[in-house]
Amino acid sequence: MSKDKVILPQVQLYLGDCREVLKELESESVDLIVTSPPYADQRKKTYGGVKPDEYVEWFLPISAELYRVLKPTGTFILNIKERVVNGERHTYVIELILAMREQGWRWTEEFVWHKKNCYPGKWPNRFRDAWERLLQFNKQKKFHMYQEAVMVPIGDWAERRLKNLSATDLVRDPSRVGSGFGKRVANWVGRDKVYPTNVLHMATETRNRKHSAVFPKALPEWFIKLFTQPGDWVLDPFMGSGTTVTVAHSMGRNAIGIEIHDEYYAMVKEELLSISRQLSLFEKGGTYDTSGTE
């Protein structure tokens, strides 16, 4: 059960352990879940630090509740990364994927978040981490996806490649490298945008010093564009500093955030209450006094 909650027109915030709070949410009520749970052995002061060998056992009850609250057409995006234990990558992420498939989830896709400003470092047997996994899970084969919302500029290659089309560019012929069927290059003549790849190049958030693991706003924003429309429900069961929730709210989505840590919860609560007060006064044609006086 939640220790505190705030219910606003477009936002619901809950203070408590998501393993318990999720039970308060209605079944099949959420369109998108975007979250980053504590990695193994991480955030010991705030989340207790889950051992790598115990991670799957710890997370499966949570993923079971997430499966229950997600709509059949919804999507679950899980940001996670393997820990290095005794000089090698632990297998708990792979084990978790397999266990979630047994639970009924479909492992639809894997995105790579390339962190353009990762910290420098030196280790005896490996290089610095510059990427993290973003695993996409679904409940069924058909789900809501709005690919046009995340299209990107076609790039300089179009001017060179599409200027002089060969005969093979006009037909869908077999791939020359044996990787499947090729594409009709001619299909892209006259277009200025294309679908993106599954590699997202985004810098980490460095301005927020109150939380140790903060999404860049562009990360949840990209997935919210791809998998939801205005009015849909977005959930983050490990809310932290509230990036997913505040971004979803700013994009006209309904947002649900769950956080176990009192300080982070209070921080997000105050921010969203402030936004709500300003919007309320704006709609009434008034002004919002930020001086702190009564």
Protein backbone atom coordinates (compact mmCIF):
# COMPACT_ATOMS: atom_id res chain seq x y z
CA MET A 1 0.00 0.00 0.00
CA SER A 2 1.22 3.50 -0.78
CA LYS A 3 2.33 5.73 2.11
CA ASP A 4 1.22 8.85 0.27
CA LYS A 5 -0.33 9.67 -3.08
CA VAL A 6 -1.23 12.66 -5.20
CA ILE A 7 -4.01 12.44 -7.76
CA LEU A 8 -4.08 15.29 -10.28
CA PRO A 9 -6.08 15.52 -13.53
CA GLN A 10 -3.22 14.08 -15.60
CA VAL A 11 -0.81 12.73 -12.99
CA GLN A 12 -0.86 10.12 -10.24
CA LEU A 13 2.09 9.91 -7.83
CA TYR A 14 2.55 7.16 -5.26
CA LEU A 15 5.08 6.92 -2.43
CA GLY A 16 5.95 3.31 -1.64
CA ASP A 17 7.43 0.04 -2.83
CA CYS A 18 6.23 -0.63 -6.39
CA ARG A 19 5.83 -4.32 -5.52
CA GLU A 20 2.92 -3.27 -3.31
CA VAL A 21 1.74 -0.05 -4.97
CA LEU A 22 1.26 -1.68 -8.38
CA LYS A 23 -1.48 -3.82 -6.83
CA GLU A 24 -3.54 -0.63 -6.40
CA LEU A 25 -3.63 0.02 -10.16
CA GLU A 26 -6.36 -1.33 -12.42
CA SER A 27 -5.62 -4.21 -14.75
CA GLU A 28 -4.93 -3.32 -18.40
CA SER A 29 -4.98 0.42 -17.67
CA VAL A 30 -1.53 1.52 -18.91
CA ASP A 31 -0.40 2.13 -22.50
CA LEU A 32 3.36 2.45 -21.96
CA ILE A 33 5.83 1.59 -19.21
CA VAL A 34 9.25 3.26 -19.34
CA THR A 35 11.53 2.63 -16.38
CA SER A 36 15.04 2.03 -15.13
CA PRO A 37 15.09 -0.18 -12.03
CA PRO A 38 18.20 -0.20 -9.85
CA TYR A 39 20.90 -2.27 -11.48
CA ALA A 40 22.39 -5.13 -9.47
CA ASP A 41 24.45 -3.91 -6.49
CA GLN A 42 23.51 -0.30 -7.29
CA ARG A 43 21.85 2.42 -5.16
CA LYS A 44 22.38 0.48 -1.92
CA LYS A 45 21.58 3.51 0.25
CA THR A 46 18.22 4.13 -1.40
CA TYR A 47 17.08 0.79 -2.81
CA GLY A 48 19.02 -1.75 -0.76
CA GLY A 49 21.23 -3.05 -3.56
CA VAL A 50 19.98 -6.27 -5.18
CA LYS A 51 22.64 -8.96 -5.61
CA PRO A 52 23.23 -10.11 -9.22
CA ASP A 53 22.42 -13.73 -8.35
CA GLU A 54 19.12 -12.61 -6.78
CA TYR A 55 18.10 -10.05 -9.40
CA VAL A 56 15.76 -12.24 -11.47
CA GLU A 57 13.97 -13.53 -8.39
CA TRP A 58 13.58 -9.95 -7.14
CA PHE A 59 12.28 -8.52 -10.44
CA LEU A 60 9.84 -11.22 -11.59
CA PRO A 61 7.06 -10.30 -9.11
CA ILE A 62 7.36 -6.72 -10.37
CA SER A 63 7.23 -7.71 -14.04
CA ALA A 64 4.18 -9.89 -13.26
CA GLU A 65 2.33 -6.84 -11.93
CA LEU A 66 3.50 -4.75 -14.88
CA TYR A 67 2.12 -7.42 -17.21
CA ARG A 68 -1.21 -7.20 -15.40
CA VAL A 69 -1.56 -3.40 -15.59
CA LEU A 70 -0.34 -3.06 -19.20
CA LYS A 71 -2.97 -3.00 -21.93
CA PRO A 72 -2.79 -5.81 -24.53
CA THR A 73 -1.72 -3.19 -27.10
CA GLY A 74 0.80 -1.57 -24.76
CA THR A 75 4.60 -1.64 -24.57
CA PHE A 76 7.14 -2.04 -21.75
CA ILE A 77 10.58 -0.41 -22.16
CA LEU A 78 13.15 -1.64 -19.63
CA ASN A 79 16.48 0.17 -19.24
CA ILE A 80 18.99 -2.26 -17.76
CA LYS A 81 22.68 -3.15 -17.94
CA GLU A 82 24.79 -6.09 -16.84
CA ARG A 83 27.18 -5.65 -13.93
CA VAL A 84 30.80 -6.74 -14.07
CA VAL A 85 31.42 -9.33 -11.35
CA ASN A 86 34.88 -10.82 -10.79
CA GLY A 87 36.13 -9.47 -14.10
CA GLU A 88 33.29 -10.71 -16.31
CA ARG A 89 29.79 -9.64 -17.26
CA HIS A 90 27.12 -11.25 -15.11
CA THR A 91 24.31 -13.03 -16.95
CA TYR A 92 21.37 -11.76 -14.90
CA VAL A 93 20.00 -9.61 -17.75
CA ILE A 94 19.98 -12.57 -20.14
CA GLU A 95 18.44 -14.75 -17.44
CA LEU A 96 15.79 -12.10 -16.80
CA ILE A 97 14.84 -11.90 -20.48
CA LEU A 98 14.36 -15.67 -20.62
CA ALA A 99 12.39 -15.70 -17.36
CA MET A 100 10.10 -12.89 -18.55
CA ARG A 101 9.42 -14.81 -21.76
CA GLU A 102 8.34 -17.73 -19.60
CA GLN A 103 6.11 -15.26 -17.76
CA GLY A 104 4.28 -14.49 -21.00
CA TRP A 105 6.15 -11.44 -22.28
CA ARG A 106 7.24 -11.14 -25.90
CA TRP A 107 10.79 -9.78 -26.27
CA THR A 108 10.01 -7.71 -29.35
CA GLU A 109 13.04 -5.50 -29.78
CA GLU A 110 16.23 -4.24 -28.19
CA PHE A 111 17.32 -0.61 -28.45
CA VAL A 112 20.81 0.63 -27.70
CA TRP A 113 21.23 3.90 -25.83
CA HIS A 114 24.61 5.29 -26.89
CA LYS A 115 25.69 7.67 -24.12
CA LYS A 116 27.64 10.33 -25.97
CA ASN A 117 29.18 11.85 -22.84
CA CYS A 118 30.00 8.75 -20.77
CA TYR A 119 32.63 9.09 -18.05
CA PRO A 120 36.22 8.25 -18.98
CA GLY A 121 37.90 5.39 -17.16
CA LYS A 122 40.45 2.61 -17.29
CA TRP A 123 40.07 -1.09 -16.45
CA PRO A 124 42.59 -3.90 -16.94
CA ASN A 125 40.42 -6.08 -19.18
CA ARG A 126 37.72 -3.90 -20.77
CA PHE A 127 36.80 -0.45 -22.05
CA ARG A 128 34.43 2.11 -20.55
CA ASP A 129 30.69 1.58 -20.86
CA ALA A 130 29.20 3.88 -23.49
CA TRP A 131 25.86 2.17 -24.04
CA GLU A 132 22.93 0.64 -22.19
CA ARG A 133 20.14 -1.72 -23.14
CA LEU A 134 16.56 -0.63 -23.65
CA LEU A 135 14.56 -3.84 -23.90
CA GLN A 136 11.13 -3.74 -25.50
CA PHE A 137 8.53 -6.20 -24.23
CA ASN A 138 4.95 -6.65 -25.39
CA LYS A 139 2.02 -8.86 -24.47
CA GLN A 140 1.06 -9.71 -28.04
CA LYS A 141 2.32 -9.46 -31.61
CA LYS A 142 0.12 -6.49 -32.52
CA PHE A 143 0.59 -3.37 -30.42
CA HIS A 144 0.26 0.38 -30.88
CA MET A 145 3.28 1.94 -32.57
CA TYR A 146 3.45 5.33 -34.30
CA GLN A 147 6.65 5.14 -36.31
CA GLU A 148 6.02 8.34 -38.26
CA ALA A 149 6.29 10.31 -35.01
CA VAL A 150 10.00 9.54 -34.68
CA MET A 151 11.16 9.80 -38.29
CA VAL A 152 14.50 11.53 -38.86
CA PRO A 153 16.00 13.60 -41.71
CA ILE A 154 17.09 11.35 -44.55
CA GLY A 155 20.68 12.64 -44.47
CA ASP A 156 23.32 13.58 -47.03
CA TRP A 157 23.50 10.08 -48.50
CA ALA A 158 20.17 10.65 -50.27
CA GLU A 159 21.53 13.36 -52.54
CA ARG A 160 24.39 11.13 -53.64
CA ARG A 161 22.64 7.75 -53.72
CA LEU A 162 19.33 8.79 -55.25
CA LYS A 163 20.77 11.06 -57.93
CA ASN A 164 21.61 8.26 -60.36
CA LEU A 165 19.51 5.14 -59.78
CA SER A 166 20.58 1.88 -61.38
CA ALA A 167 18.25 -0.84 -62.65
CA THR A 168 18.68 -2.85 -59.43
CA ASP A 169 17.63 0.17 -57.39
CA LEU A 170 14.18 0.00 -58.97
CA VAL A 171 13.35 -3.55 -57.85
CA ARG A 172 13.34 -5.39 -54.53
CA ASP A 173 16.18 -7.82 -55.13
CA PRO A 174 17.87 -10.28 -52.75
CA SER A 175 20.47 -8.82 -50.41
CA ARG A 176 23.98 -9.13 -51.81
CA VAL A 177 25.38 -10.00 -48.39
CA GLY A 178 22.86 -12.74 -47.73
CA SER A 179 21.13 -10.93 -44.86
CA GLY A 180 17.64 -11.17 -46.32
CA PHE A 181 15.78 -9.20 -48.94
CA GLY A 182 17.08 -5.87 -50.11
CA LYS A 183 15.05 -2.68 -50.37
CA ARG A 184 13.88 -0.64 -53.32
CA VAL A 185 16.12 2.40 -53.05
CA ALA A 186 13.82 4.19 -55.49
CA ASN A 187 11.10 4.20 -52.82
CA TRP A 188 12.92 7.04 -51.06
CA VAL A 189 13.05 9.43 -54.03
CA GLY A 190 11.39 12.71 -53.07
CA ARG A 191 11.31 11.96 -49.35
CA ASP A 192 13.09 14.04 -46.74
CA LYS A 193 12.61 11.74 -43.73
CA VAL A 194 13.26 8.07 -42.96
CA TYR A 195 12.62 5.69 -40.08
CA PRO A 196 15.35 5.71 -37.41
CA THR A 197 17.58 2.82 -36.36
CA ASN A 198 17.39 1.08 -33.00
CA VAL A 199 20.47 2.96 -31.75
CA LEU A 200 19.67 6.16 -29.84
CA HIS A 201 22.53 8.67 -29.54
CA MET A 202 21.78 10.75 -26.44
CA ALA A 203 23.93 12.34 -23.75
CA THR A 204 23.32 11.47 -20.12
CA GLU A 205 21.72 14.02 -17.80
CA THR A 206 24.40 15.94 -15.88
CA ARG A 207 22.46 18.85 -14.40
CA ASN A 208 20.44 16.85 -11.86
CA ARG A 209 22.66 16.22 -8.83
CA LYS A 210 19.86 14.95 -6.58
CA HIS A 211 19.59 11.53 -8.21
CA SER A 212 22.37 9.16 -9.22
CA ALA A 213 20.75 7.74 -12.36
CA VAL A 214 18.80 10.27 -14.39
CA PHE A 215 17.39 9.77 -17.88
CA PRO A 216 17.98 12.52 -20.42
CA LYS A 217 14.52 13.92 -21.14
CA ALA A 218 14.90 12.99 -24.80
CA LEU A 219 14.97 9.28 -23.95
CA PRO A 220 11.46 8.79 -22.51
CA GLU A 221 10.20 11.47 -24.90
CA TRP A 222 11.28 9.34 -27.88
CA PHE A 223 9.47 6.25 -26.63
CA ILE A 224 6.39 8.23 -25.62
CA LYS A 225 6.18 9.58 -29.18
CA LEU A 226 6.69 6.12 -30.65
CA PHE A 227 4.21 4.15 -28.56
CA THR A 228 1.52 6.57 -27.33
CA GLN A 229 -0.82 9.35 -28.32
CA PRO A 230 -2.11 12.30 -26.27
CA GLY A 231 -4.38 11.09 -23.49
CA ASP A 232 -2.68 7.69 -23.15
CA TRP A 233 -1.30 6.47 -19.81
CA VAL A 234 2.45 6.26 -19.14
CA LEU A 235 3.85 4.49 -16.05
CA ASP A 236 7.25 4.61 -14.36
CA PRO A 237 7.33 2.26 -11.32
CA PHE A 238 10.85 3.45 -10.40
CA MET A 239 10.17 7.16 -10.76
CA GLY A 240 13.38 8.55 -9.25
CA SER A 241 13.68 12.24 -10.11
CA GLY A 242 10.53 12.01 -12.22
CA THR A 243 11.89 12.52 -15.73
CA THR A 244 9.50 10.07 -17.42
CA VAL A 245 6.49 11.38 -15.51
CA THR A 246 7.17 15.08 -16.10
CA VAL A 247 7.98 14.54 -19.78
CA ALA A 248 4.81 12.49 -20.29
CA HIS A 249 2.76 15.20 -18.58
CA SER A 250 4.32 17.93 -20.74
CA MET A 251 3.42 15.91 -23.86
CA GLY A 252 -0.27 15.70 -22.98
CA ARG A 253 -0.18 12.14 -21.70
CA ASN A 254 -1.50 10.89 -18.38
CA ALA A 255 1.35 9.80 -16.11
CA ILE A 256 1.74 7.48 -13.13
CA GLY A 257 4.89 7.54 -11.01
CA ILE A 258 5.84 5.27 -8.11
CA GLU A 259 8.84 6.02 -5.89
CA ILE A 260 10.10 4.35 -2.71
CA HIS A 261 12.44 7.16 -1.65
CA ASP A 262 10.78 9.98 0.30
CA GLU A 263 13.11 12.74 -0.92
CA TYR A 264 12.72 11.96 -4.62
CA TYR A 265 8.96 11.59 -4.24
CA ALA A 266 8.66 14.94 -2.46
CA MET A 267 10.79 16.63 -5.12
CA VAL A 268 8.62 15.39 -8.01
CA LYS A 269 5.43 16.04 -6.05
CA GLU A 270 6.34 19.68 -5.46
CA GLU A 271 7.36 20.20 -9.08
CA LEU A 272 4.13 18.78 -10.48
CA LEU A 273 1.94 20.53 -7.92
CA SER A 274 3.62 23.79 -8.90
CA ILE A 275 2.95 23.12 -12.58
CA SER A 276 -0.65 22.22 -11.77
CA ARG A 277 -1.18 25.45 -9.81
CA GLN A 278 0.26 27.53 -12.63
CA LEU A 279 -1.91 25.81 -15.22
CA SER A 280 -4.98 26.27 -13.06
CA LEU A 281 -4.33 29.99 -12.64
CA PHE A 282 -3.51 30.36 -16.34
CA GLU A 283 -6.81 28.76 -17.32
CA LYS A 284 -8.61 31.16 -14.97
CA GLY A 285 -6.71 34.13 -16.39
CA GLY A 286 -4.84 34.81 -13.15
CA THR A 287 -1.18 34.95 -12.21
CA TYR A 288 0.95 32.69 -10.05
CA ASP A 289 2.86 34.27 -7.18
CA THR A 290 6.31 32.68 -6.81
CA SER A 291 7.46 35.00 -4.02
CA GLY A 292 6.53 32.52 -1.28
CA THR A 293 4.31 35.09 0.54
CA GLU A 294 0.70 34.43 1.40
